[in-house]
């Protein structure tokens, strides 16, 4: 059986707003880094709960956020 594709959530600050994307598609805007990371982590957990694979990246350097 083939591995499911990796779903990527990215959280990055832009003009004072934290933007989260899922595979490059808008997922949500947040007022703080913590809110954005929490949302991205929750999204990743939901993907994993459905048997998928997900990662969360943070900021312009795209650092991996463990979950």
Protein backbone atom coordinates (compact mmCIF):
# COMPACT_ATOMS: atom_id res chain seq x y z
CA UNK A 1 0.00 0.00 0.00
CA UNK A 2 1.32 3.46 -0.89
CA UNK A 3 2.14 5.98 1.82
CA UNK A 4 -0.30 8.86 2.09
CA UNK A 5 1.08 12.23 0.98
CA UNK A 6 2.41 14.52 3.68
CA UNK A 7 0.07 17.38 4.53
CA UNK A 8 2.03 20.53 5.42
CA UNK A 9 0.75 23.27 7.72
CA UNK A 10 2.79 26.49 7.70
CA UNK A 11 2.49 29.37 10.18
CA UNK A 12 4.19 32.66 9.35
CA UNK A 13 3.83 36.30 10.40
CA UNK A 14 2.91 38.82 7.73
CA UNK A 15 2.21 42.49 8.45
CA UNK A 16 1.50 41.78 12.11
CA UNK A 17 -0.92 38.91 11.39
CA UNK A 18 -0.09 35.23 11.68
CA UNK A 19 -1.20 33.33 8.57
CA UNK A 20 -1.62 29.56 8.56
CA UNK A 21 -1.79 27.59 5.33
CA UNK A 22 -2.46 23.93 4.65
CA UNK A 23 -0.54 22.75 1.60
CA UNK A 24 -0.24 26.36 0.46
CA UNK A 25 -3.98 27.08 0.79
CA UNK A 26 -5.37 29.59 3.31
CA UNK A 27 -6.29 27.91 6.61
CA UNK A 28 -6.69 30.90 8.96
CA UNK A 29 -5.42 34.24 10.29
CA UNK A 30 -4.46 34.68 13.95
CA UNK A 31 -3.51 37.53 16.25
CA UNK A 32 -0.59 35.71 17.87
CA UNK A 33 2.11 33.20 17.11
CA UNK A 34 0.78 30.90 19.83
CA UNK A 35 -2.74 30.89 18.33
CA UNK A 36 -1.38 30.17 14.86
CA UNK A 37 0.84 27.33 16.05
CA UNK A 38 -2.00 25.82 18.12
CA UNK A 39 -4.30 25.90 15.08
CA UNK A 40 -1.68 24.35 12.81
CA UNK A 41 -0.97 21.63 15.38
CA UNK A 42 -4.68 20.89 15.76
CA UNK A 43 -4.99 20.62 11.99
CA UNK A 44 -2.04 18.25 11.84
CA UNK A 45 -3.53 16.10 14.61
CA UNK A 46 -6.84 15.93 12.69
CA UNK A 47 -5.00 14.74 9.58
CA UNK A 48 -3.15 12.13 11.64
CA UNK A 49 -6.43 11.05 13.22
CA UNK A 50 -7.70 10.20 9.74
CA UNK A 51 -4.60 8.08 9.08
CA UNK A 52 -2.67 10.76 7.22
CA UNK A 53 0.78 12.22 7.68
CA UNK A 54 1.25 15.88 8.60
CA UNK A 55 4.00 18.30 9.52
CA UNK A 56 3.94 21.83 10.91
CA UNK A 57 6.46 24.47 9.80
CA UNK A 58 7.03 27.83 11.47
CA UNK A 59 8.28 31.15 10.19
CA UNK A 60 10.39 32.14 7.23
CA UNK A 61 13.04 29.52 8.03
CA UNK A 62 10.29 26.85 8.04
CA UNK A 63 11.45 25.28 11.28
CA UNK A 64 9.69 22.01 12.05
CA UNK A 65 7.36 22.19 15.05
CA UNK A 66 7.28 18.85 16.87
CA UNK A 67 3.87 17.38 17.65
